[in-house]
Amino acid sequence: MPRIKATFNNPQGESLSGLLEIPEGVVRSYALFAHCFTCTKDYTATSHITRALAKQGIAVLRFDFTGLGNSDGDFSNTNFSSNIQDLICAAEFLETHYAAPTLLIGHSLGGAAVLAVAQHLSAVKAVATIGAPATAGHVQKLLGSSRGAIRDKNNTCVELAGRKFTIKRQLIDDLERYNSLDHIKALKKALIIFHSPIDSIVSIDEAARIYTAARHPKSFVSLDNADHLLSRREDAEYVANVLSAWAGRYLDIPAVGEGEQLRTPPVVKAGSVVVREQNKLFTREVFTENHQFLSDEPVAMGGNDRGVNPYELLLAALGCCTSMTLRRYANHKKIQLQDIEVELMHDRVHADDCGSCEEQDQLIDKITRSITLTGDLDEKQRARLIEIAKLCPVHKTLVNQIQIETRESR
C-alpha cells in the first residue's frame, strides 16, 4: 500500500511522527488509529490493521503518541489527557491536509482514548475499540504493586511489556480523572467493540461495560482465540474486514463515480508537482514527491474553502523562500536573529501607480512583502538582511522573464 510520512506538532510544539496508509484505489474515507499503552505506530497489530483497512479503501493515519516511537517529548511527562490532545492534533492534521477523519479506531488504552476524544471531533461518525478498557483508570492495574512506589516517590521506573518506563504520579492522578462512563453514555456515534474472550490483559468484562453504557447503534464482535495484541496477522485482518464492512453503513462513503473522489497519490518525480481535481468545482489535490495538500477557492468564489487558493500558494512560496534564505544567511554569518516573520499581500494596481513601470495604461501585479526581524541586530545587519531577502530563488524567479510552455500530456 502507498504510505505517506506525516509530521505535526502537539500543543507543546513537540513533533509527532505518523504514517498515512493510502489505498491503491479510491479513498472511501479517512480514519485515525490510536495505539495501545507504551506501544508505537509500528506495532504489529497497528500496522496490520491499518494496512488491511487501506486495502478496503479506508486511508488510516497511525502515529506515535508524545514520547513514544519516533515522536518527540518525554514519555514520563505524558498522561491520558495528553494522549487526547495528541489525537485532536492528529485529526486537525488530517482535516488540514486531506479530509477530516470520520472513523476513530483505538487499541487497548487507545480505545479508551478514542471513546473520550470522539465528542470533541464533530466529523467523526463511527468509533471502533479493540481490546479496550471501559475507562482509562483500568491502566492502573497494569502498574500492579508499582502504584504505591509511584505515589510515594512521585515517580519510579516500571517494566511494561519487557521495556522500562519512568512513570510519574501525575499519570496516576490523571487516569483517575477518567474513571467515569459518562462520556460513553453521551457518545452519539456508531460504536463497534472488538474483544477476545481470552484476553489476559484487558478482561472481556471491560467490553461488557462499554457495551452496556453505550447507546445504539452499537455492535460487539468476539475475536475468539486472538491475544490482546492481535499478534497474528489473520486476527488483525479479520478486524479490518469486519470493521470496513460495518463502517460503510455509518460513514458517507461515496460509490465510484459519485461526488468527490480522492485517489491514490501519483508517483511524482523529484522537483515536480502534480495537481489533480478532487471535485468538479475548485478543490484540487496538490502532490509533490513526498507531500500532499489541498488548494481551493473561498465559498464566496464558488469553492469549498478546503485549502489555500492559488495566489495564496504563490505568496506562500515567496514567503517560505524568503524566510529560509534569511535563516540560512543569519546562521552562516552567526547573526543573532531569533525569529523571522514574513507577511505578503497580492494586489493588482494601475501601472501609473508604479513610477518604474514602462507601460502606464494597464494593471500590473504587485506583491507587498513585510519582514519582521526579531533579535539583537544593529541597523547595518537589518539593512543587509532586507537586501538578502531579494536574493531568495523564488524572488529571482518572479522578477525574471518567465517562459511557460504548455502542452497536452497523453
Protein backbone atom coordinates (compact mmCIF):
# COMPACT_ATOMS: atom_id res chain seq x y z
CA MET A 1 0.00 0.00 0.00
CA PRO A 2 1.19 3.56 -0.67
CA ARG A 3 2.36 5.25 2.53
CA ILE A 4 2.96 8.93 3.31
CA LYS A 5 5.03 10.21 6.23
CA ALA A 6 3.10 12.62 8.42
CA THR A 7 4.60 15.09 10.89
CA PHE A 8 2.65 17.51 13.07
CA ASN A 9 3.03 19.20 16.44
CA ASN A 10 1.36 18.56 19.78
CA PRO A 11 0.12 21.52 21.90
CA GLN A 12 3.61 21.86 23.41
CA GLY A 13 5.14 22.31 19.96
CA GLU A 14 6.83 18.90 20.00
CA SER A 15 6.92 17.00 16.72
CA LEU A 16 4.79 13.85 16.43
CA SER A 17 5.58 11.20 13.83
CA GLY A 18 2.95 9.34 11.83
CA LEU A 19 2.29 7.29 8.72
CA LEU A 20 -0.75 7.62 6.47
CA GLU A 21 -1.71 4.33 4.83
CA ILE A 22 -3.34 5.11 1.46
CA PRO A 23 -5.49 2.69 -0.59
CA GLU A 24 -4.36 1.65 -4.06
CA GLY A 25 -7.68 2.83 -5.49
CA VAL A 26 -10.28 5.39 -4.44
CA VAL A 27 -10.04 6.62 -0.84
CA ARG A 28 -13.50 5.95 0.56
CA SER A 29 -12.92 7.63 3.91
CA TYR A 30 -10.23 8.74 6.38
CA ALA A 31 -9.64 7.19 9.79
CA LEU A 32 -7.39 7.80 12.79
CA PHE A 33 -5.78 4.96 14.77
CA ALA A 34 -4.71 5.20 18.43
CA HIS A 35 -2.24 2.55 19.56
CA CYS A 36 -2.05 0.79 22.92
CA PHE A 37 -0.31 1.99 26.09
CA THR A 38 3.51 2.18 25.57
CA CYS A 39 3.11 0.75 22.03
CA THR A 40 4.01 2.65 18.83
CA LYS A 41 2.51 3.21 15.40
CA ASP A 42 4.76 0.43 14.08
CA TYR A 43 3.50 -2.25 16.43
CA THR A 44 2.44 -5.44 14.64
CA ALA A 45 -1.31 -5.16 15.25
CA THR A 46 -1.37 -1.44 14.41
CA SER A 47 0.41 -1.86 11.08
CA HIS A 48 -1.58 -4.97 10.12
CA ILE A 49 -4.95 -3.37 10.82
CA THR A 50 -4.19 -0.06 9.10
CA ARG A 51 -2.79 -1.78 6.01
CA ALA A 52 -5.77 -4.13 5.85
CA LEU A 53 -8.17 -1.17 6.11
CA ALA A 54 -6.29 0.57 3.30
CA LYS A 55 -7.00 -2.48 1.13
CA GLN A 56 -10.68 -1.83 1.87
CA GLY A 57 -10.44 1.77 0.68
CA ILE A 58 -10.05 3.49 4.06
CA ALA A 59 -6.98 5.70 4.50
CA VAL A 60 -5.67 5.48 8.06
CA LEU A 61 -3.30 7.76 9.94
CA ARG A 62 -1.33 5.96 12.66
CA PHE A 63 1.10 7.96 14.77
CA ASP A 64 3.29 7.77 17.85
CA PHE A 65 1.94 9.48 20.95
CA THR A 66 4.24 12.02 22.61
CA GLY A 67 7.42 10.44 23.97
CA LEU A 68 6.98 7.15 22.10
CA GLY A 69 8.44 5.74 18.88
CA ASN A 70 9.72 8.48 16.60
CA SER A 71 7.78 11.29 18.27
CA ASP A 72 9.47 13.96 20.35
CA GLY A 73 8.81 14.59 24.02
CA ASP A 74 9.35 12.80 27.32
CA PHE A 75 7.01 9.87 27.97
CA SER A 76 7.28 10.41 31.72
CA ASN A 77 5.61 13.81 31.29
CA THR A 78 2.65 12.43 29.34
CA ASN A 79 -0.69 11.20 30.58
CA PHE A 80 -4.13 10.24 29.29
CA SER A 81 -5.07 13.89 28.83
CA SER A 82 -2.01 14.48 26.63
CA ASN A 83 -2.98 11.44 24.54
CA ILE A 84 -6.36 13.05 23.91
CA GLN A 85 -4.68 16.29 22.87
CA ASP A 86 -2.37 14.35 20.55
CA LEU A 87 -5.40 12.73 18.90
CA ILE A 88 -7.05 16.12 18.38
CA CYS A 89 -3.85 17.43 16.75
CA ALA A 90 -3.71 14.35 14.51
CA ALA A 91 -7.33 14.88 13.45
CA GLU A 92 -6.62 18.55 12.69
CA PHE A 93 -3.62 17.49 10.58
CA LEU A 94 -5.83 15.16 8.52
CA GLU A 95 -8.51 17.79 8.10
CA THR A 96 -5.99 20.42 7.00
CA HIS A 97 -4.06 18.31 4.52
CA TYR A 98 -6.56 15.66 3.40
CA ALA A 99 -10.02 15.37 4.93
CA ALA A 100 -11.37 15.20 8.49
CA PRO A 101 -11.43 11.65 9.90
CA THR A 102 -14.90 10.11 10.09
CA LEU A 103 -13.74 6.94 11.82
CA LEU A 104 -11.73 6.53 15.05
CA ILE A 105 -10.06 3.25 15.95
CA GLY A 106 -8.40 2.57 19.28
CA HIS A 107 -6.50 -0.47 20.54
CA SER A 108 -6.32 -1.17 24.28
CA LEU A 109 -5.79 2.18 26.09
CA GLY A 110 -6.03 3.78 22.65
CA GLY A 111 -9.61 2.51 22.62
CA ALA A 112 -10.37 4.34 25.86
CA ALA A 113 -8.75 7.43 24.33
CA VAL A 114 -10.90 7.43 21.16
CA LEU A 115 -14.02 6.98 23.29
CA ALA A 116 -13.01 10.05 25.28
CA VAL A 117 -11.99 12.22 22.31
CA ALA A 118 -14.85 11.36 19.93
CA GLN A 119 -17.17 14.02 21.36
CA HIS A 120 -14.58 16.70 20.51
CA LEU A 121 -14.40 15.76 16.80
CA SER A 122 -17.63 16.68 15.03
CA ALA A 123 -16.74 14.97 11.74
CA VAL A 124 -16.39 11.56 13.42
CA LYS A 125 -19.39 9.35 12.79
CA ALA A 126 -18.15 5.96 13.97
CA VAL A 127 -15.83 4.62 16.67
CA ALA A 128 -14.19 1.20 16.99
CA THR A 129 -12.42 -0.20 20.05
CA ILE A 130 -10.18 -3.28 20.11
CA GLY A 131 -9.42 -4.97 23.42
CA ALA A 132 -10.13 -1.69 25.17
CA PRO A 133 -10.87 -0.94 28.82
CA ALA A 134 -14.05 1.00 29.53
CA THR A 135 -12.13 3.75 31.33
CA ALA A 136 -8.54 4.94 31.48
CA GLY A 137 -8.38 4.14 35.19
CA HIS A 138 -8.10 0.46 34.27
CA VAL A 139 -4.46 1.03 33.30
CA GLN A 140 -3.55 1.38 36.96
CA LYS A 141 -3.98 -2.39 37.23
CA LEU A 142 -1.15 -2.83 34.73
CA LEU A 143 1.15 -0.97 37.11
CA GLY A 144 0.48 -3.53 39.84
CA SER A 145 2.47 -3.11 43.03
CA SER A 146 4.38 -0.21 41.48
CA ARG A 147 1.44 2.11 42.12
CA GLY A 148 2.42 2.54 45.75
CA ALA A 149 6.00 3.41 44.87
CA ILE A 150 4.85 5.91 42.24
CA ARG A 151 2.63 7.66 44.77
CA ASP A 152 5.29 7.67 47.49
CA LYS A 153 8.24 8.73 45.34
CA ASN A 154 6.28 10.77 42.77
CA ASN A 155 8.00 8.74 40.06
CA THR A 156 9.54 5.32 39.58
CA CYS A 157 10.84 3.03 36.85
CA VAL A 158 8.31 0.39 35.78
CA GLU A 159 8.79 -2.54 33.39
CA LEU A 160 5.91 -2.91 30.91
CA ALA A 161 5.88 -5.43 28.07
CA GLY A 162 9.59 -6.04 28.55
CA ARG A 163 10.55 -2.36 28.41
CA LYS A 164 11.33 0.09 31.20
CA PHE A 165 9.45 3.38 31.53
CA THR A 166 9.58 6.17 34.08
CA ILE A 167 6.06 6.74 35.42
CA LYS A 168 5.20 9.87 37.39
CA ARG A 169 2.44 10.33 39.92
CA GLN A 170 0.70 12.81 37.59
CA LEU A 171 -0.13 9.86 35.29
CA ILE A 172 -1.88 8.04 38.13
CA ASP A 173 -3.80 11.15 39.13
CA ASP A 174 -4.81 11.83 35.53
CA LEU A 175 -6.02 8.27 34.97
CA GLU A 176 -8.29 8.57 37.98
CA ARG A 177 -9.94 11.62 36.39
CA TYR A 178 -11.07 9.42 33.50
CA ASN A 179 -12.75 6.70 35.54
CA SER A 180 -16.35 7.52 34.56
CA LEU A 181 -18.60 6.01 31.89
CA ASP A 182 -20.50 9.26 31.29
CA HIS A 183 -18.70 10.08 28.04
CA ILE A 184 -19.63 6.65 26.63
CA LYS A 185 -23.28 7.21 27.51
CA ALA A 186 -23.17 10.55 25.67
CA LEU A 187 -21.17 9.26 22.69
CA LYS A 188 -23.85 9.72 19.98
CA LYS A 189 -21.64 7.91 17.46
CA ALA A 190 -21.97 4.46 15.94
CA LEU A 191 -19.84 2.08 18.01
CA ILE A 192 -18.33 -1.35 17.38
CA ILE A 193 -16.44 -3.24 20.09
CA PHE A 194 -13.90 -5.97 19.27
CA HIS A 195 -12.68 -8.09 22.16
CA SER A 196 -11.25 -11.54 22.73
CA PRO A 197 -12.85 -13.69 25.45
CA ILE A 198 -9.36 -14.96 26.38
CA ASP A 199 -7.76 -11.52 26.62
CA SER A 200 -5.47 -11.76 29.65
CA ILE A 201 -4.51 -8.07 29.69
CA VAL A 202 -7.92 -6.41 29.48
CA SER A 203 -10.78 -8.64 30.59
CA ILE A 204 -13.77 -9.08 28.28
CA ASP A 205 -15.79 -7.71 31.20
CA GLU A 206 -14.49 -4.31 30.12
CA ALA A 207 -16.13 -4.80 26.72
CA ALA A 208 -19.39 -5.55 28.52
CA ARG A 209 -19.09 -2.31 30.49
CA ILE A 210 -18.59 -0.32 27.28
CA TYR A 211 -21.47 -2.04 25.52
CA THR A 212 -23.86 -1.57 28.45
CA ALA A 213 -23.01 2.12 28.82
CA ALA A 214 -23.24 2.94 25.12
CA ARG A 215 -26.45 3.67 23.27
CA HIS A 216 -27.44 2.30 19.90
CA PRO A 217 -26.23 1.90 17.25
CA LYS A 218 -23.67 -0.39 18.87
CA SER A 219 -22.20 -3.77 17.95
CA PHE A 220 -19.97 -6.37 19.56
CA VAL A 221 -17.64 -8.78 17.74
CA SER A 222 -15.85 -11.59 19.51
CA LEU A 223 -12.25 -12.19 18.49
CA ASP A 224 -12.35 -15.79 19.67
CA ASN A 225 -8.78 -17.06 20.18
CA ALA A 226 -6.96 -13.81 19.49
CA ASP A 227 -4.49 -12.49 22.05
CA HIS A 228 -4.64 -8.94 23.41
CA LEU A 229 -2.04 -7.57 20.99
CA LEU A 230 -3.53 -9.31 17.93
CA SER A 231 -0.08 -10.63 17.14
CA ARG A 232 -1.39 -12.98 14.43
CA ARG A 233 -1.91 -11.30 11.06
CA GLU A 234 -5.16 -13.18 10.42
CA ASP A 235 -6.72 -11.72 13.57
CA ALA A 236 -5.78 -8.18 12.56
CA GLU A 237 -7.10 -8.68 9.03
CA TYR A 238 -10.35 -10.11 10.40
CA VAL A 239 -10.84 -6.95 12.47
CA ALA A 240 -10.12 -4.78 9.43
CA ASN A 241 -12.51 -6.69 7.15
CA VAL A 242 -15.39 -6.64 9.63
CA LEU A 243 -14.70 -3.02 10.56
CA SER A 244 -14.67 -1.90 6.93
CA ALA A 245 -17.99 -3.59 6.16
CA TRP A 246 -19.56 -2.22 9.35
CA ALA A 247 -18.25 1.32 8.84
CA GLY A 248 -19.75 1.56 5.36
CA ARG A 249 -23.18 1.57 6.97
CA TYR A 250 -22.46 4.70 9.00
CA LEU A 251 -19.94 6.71 7.00
CA ASP A 252 -20.85 8.79 3.97
CA ILE A 253 -18.67 6.73 1.67
CA PRO A 254 -19.25 7.67 -1.98
CA ALA A 255 -19.53 4.95 -4.56
CA VAL A 256 -17.24 5.10 -7.57
CA GLY A 257 -18.44 7.82 -9.89
CA GLU A 258 -20.43 9.70 -7.26
CA GLY A 259 -19.46 13.07 -5.83
CA GLU A 260 -15.93 13.86 -4.77
CA GLN A 261 -13.29 11.21 -5.04
CA LEU A 262 -9.83 11.09 -3.53
CA ARG A 263 -7.50 8.79 -5.41
CA THR A 264 -4.18 7.15 -4.81
CA PRO A 265 -1.38 9.73 -4.85
CA PRO A 266 0.51 9.62 -8.15
CA VAL A 267 4.20 8.89 -8.42
CA VAL A 268 5.80 12.34 -8.60
CA LYS A 269 9.32 12.95 -9.86
CA ALA A 270 11.70 14.92 -7.66
CA GLY A 271 11.23 18.62 -8.28
CA SER A 272 7.84 18.16 -9.98
CA VAL A 273 4.32 18.99 -8.82
CA VAL A 274 1.12 17.22 -9.87
CA VAL A 275 -2.30 18.84 -9.46
CA ARG A 276 -5.49 16.78 -9.77
CA GLU A 277 -9.19 17.52 -9.48
CA GLN A 278 -10.87 16.40 -6.31
CA ASN A 279 -14.29 17.64 -7.37
CA LYS A 280 -15.94 19.44 -10.27
CA LEU A 281 -15.65 22.80 -8.52
CA PHE A 282 -12.32 24.24 -7.36
CA THR A 283 -10.95 21.75 -4.81
CA ARG A 284 -7.62 20.41 -6.04
CA GLU A 285 -5.13 17.89 -4.71
CA VAL A 286 -1.51 19.02 -4.95
CA PHE A 287 1.21 16.38 -4.89
CA THR A 288 4.97 16.67 -4.57
CA GLU A 289 7.41 13.79 -4.26
CA ASN A 290 6.77 13.36 -0.51
CA HIS A 291 3.80 15.58 0.35
CA GLN A 292 0.15 16.19 -0.43
CA PHE A 293 -2.20 19.07 0.35
CA LEU A 294 -5.34 20.79 -0.93
CA SER A 295 -5.93 24.02 -2.82
CA ASP A 296 -9.37 25.58 -3.18
CA GLU A 297 -11.27 28.82 -3.54
CA PRO A 298 -13.35 30.51 -0.82
CA VAL A 299 -17.05 29.72 -0.61
CA ALA A 300 -17.82 33.23 -1.84
CA MET A 301 -15.97 32.39 -5.06
CA GLY A 302 -17.84 29.12 -5.56
CA GLY A 303 -15.37 26.84 -3.84
CA ASN A 304 -15.49 24.78 -0.63
CA ASP A 305 -12.62 26.62 1.15
CA ARG A 306 -10.83 23.34 1.88
CA GLY A 307 -7.39 24.71 1.15
CA VAL A 308 -5.40 27.81 0.26
CA ASN A 309 -6.17 29.43 -3.08
CA PRO A 310 -3.63 29.61 -5.95
CA TYR A 311 -2.50 33.16 -5.17
CA GLU A 312 -2.06 32.25 -1.50
CA LEU A 313 0.14 29.37 -2.68
CA LEU A 314 2.18 31.83 -4.73
CA LEU A 315 2.61 34.16 -1.76
CA ALA A 316 3.44 31.20 0.49
CA ALA A 317 6.17 30.10 -1.92
CA LEU A 318 7.78 33.54 -1.84
CA GLY A 319 7.33 33.89 1.92
CA CYS A 320 8.83 30.49 2.71
CA CYS A 321 11.75 31.03 0.37
CA THR A 322 12.38 34.47 1.86
CA SER A 323 12.37 33.16 5.42
CA MET A 324 14.58 30.17 4.56
CA THR A 325 17.10 32.36 2.75
CA LEU A 326 17.31 34.80 5.66
CA ARG A 327 17.74 31.99 8.17
CA ARG A 328 20.47 30.34 6.15
CA TYR A 329 22.34 33.65 5.81
CA ALA A 330 21.92 34.52 9.50
CA ASN A 331 23.16 31.11 10.62
CA HIS A 332 26.14 31.29 8.27
CA LYS A 333 27.10 34.76 9.47
CA LYS A 334 26.28 33.89 13.10
CA ILE A 335 23.84 36.80 13.35
CA GLN A 336 21.69 36.80 16.49
CA LEU A 337 18.42 36.53 14.55
CA GLN A 338 15.86 34.99 16.88
CA ASP A 339 12.78 34.95 14.67
CA ILE A 340 11.60 35.83 11.16
CA GLU A 341 8.05 36.66 10.17
CA VAL A 342 7.12 37.39 6.55
CA GLU A 343 3.73 38.84 5.65
CA LEU A 344 2.76 39.09 1.99
CA MET A 345 -0.14 40.58 0.07
CA HIS A 346 -1.00 40.40 -3.62
CA ASP A 347 -2.89 43.08 -5.48
CA ARG A 348 -3.39 44.41 -8.97
CA VAL A 349 -2.71 48.10 -9.36
CA HIS A 350 -2.75 50.58 -12.22
CA ALA A 351 0.60 50.90 -13.86
CA ASP A 352 0.63 54.66 -13.21
CA ASP A 353 0.93 53.82 -9.52
CA CYS A 354 4.34 52.42 -10.34
CA GLY A 355 6.81 55.05 -11.44
CA SER A 356 9.29 52.46 -12.67
CA CYS A 357 6.83 50.72 -14.97
CA GLU A 358 7.27 51.36 -18.68
CA GLU A 359 3.61 50.89 -19.64
CA GLN A 360 1.30 53.26 -17.79
CA ASP A 361 -2.07 52.18 -19.19
CA GLN A 362 -2.62 48.72 -17.74
CA LEU A 363 -2.95 46.82 -14.47
CA ILE A 364 0.13 45.18 -13.06
CA ASP A 365 0.60 42.60 -10.32
CA LYS A 366 2.08 43.92 -7.09
CA ILE A 367 3.30 41.86 -4.15
CA THR A 368 3.95 43.68 -0.88
CA ARG A 369 6.38 41.81 1.39
CA SER A 370 6.74 42.93 5.01
CA ILE A 371 9.52 41.28 7.03
CA THR A 372 9.71 41.36 10.83
CA LEU A 373 13.17 40.57 12.19
CA THR A 374 13.48 39.78 15.89
CA GLY A 375 16.85 39.69 17.61
CA ASP A 376 19.84 41.67 18.81
CA LEU A 377 20.58 43.28 15.43
CA ASP A 378 22.16 46.60 14.52
CA GLU A 379 20.87 48.76 11.69
CA LYS A 380 23.57 47.57 9.29
CA GLN A 381 22.62 43.94 9.85
CA ARG A 382 18.92 44.69 9.41
CA ALA A 383 19.56 46.54 6.14
CA ARG A 384 21.73 43.69 4.87
CA LEU A 385 19.07 41.09 5.71
CA ILE A 386 16.45 43.04 3.75
CA GLU A 387 18.82 43.04 0.78
CA ILE A 388 19.41 39.30 1.18
CA ALA A 389 15.62 38.74 1.06
CA LYS A 390 15.66 39.92 -2.54
CA LEU A 391 18.16 37.18 -3.39
CA CYS A 392 15.89 34.26 -2.50
CA PRO A 393 15.43 31.93 -5.51
CA VAL A 394 11.65 32.36 -5.74
CA HIS A 395 12.03 36.15 -5.69
CA LYS A 396 14.50 35.90 -8.57
CA THR A 397 12.12 33.65 -10.50
CA LEU A 398 9.18 36.01 -10.06
CA VAL A 399 11.06 39.10 -11.23
CA ASN A 400 12.81 37.26 -14.04
CA GLN A 401 11.37 36.79 -17.50
CA ILE A 402 9.36 33.58 -17.23
CA GLN A 403 8.58 31.31 -20.15
CA ILE A 404 5.71 28.88 -19.60
CA GLU A 405 5.41 26.06 -22.09
CA THR A 406 2.01 24.36 -22.13
CA ARG A 407 1.43 21.04 -23.85
CA GLU A 408 -1.06 18.21 -23.63
CA SER A 409 0.17 15.10 -21.89
CA ARG A 410 -1.32 11.82 -23.07
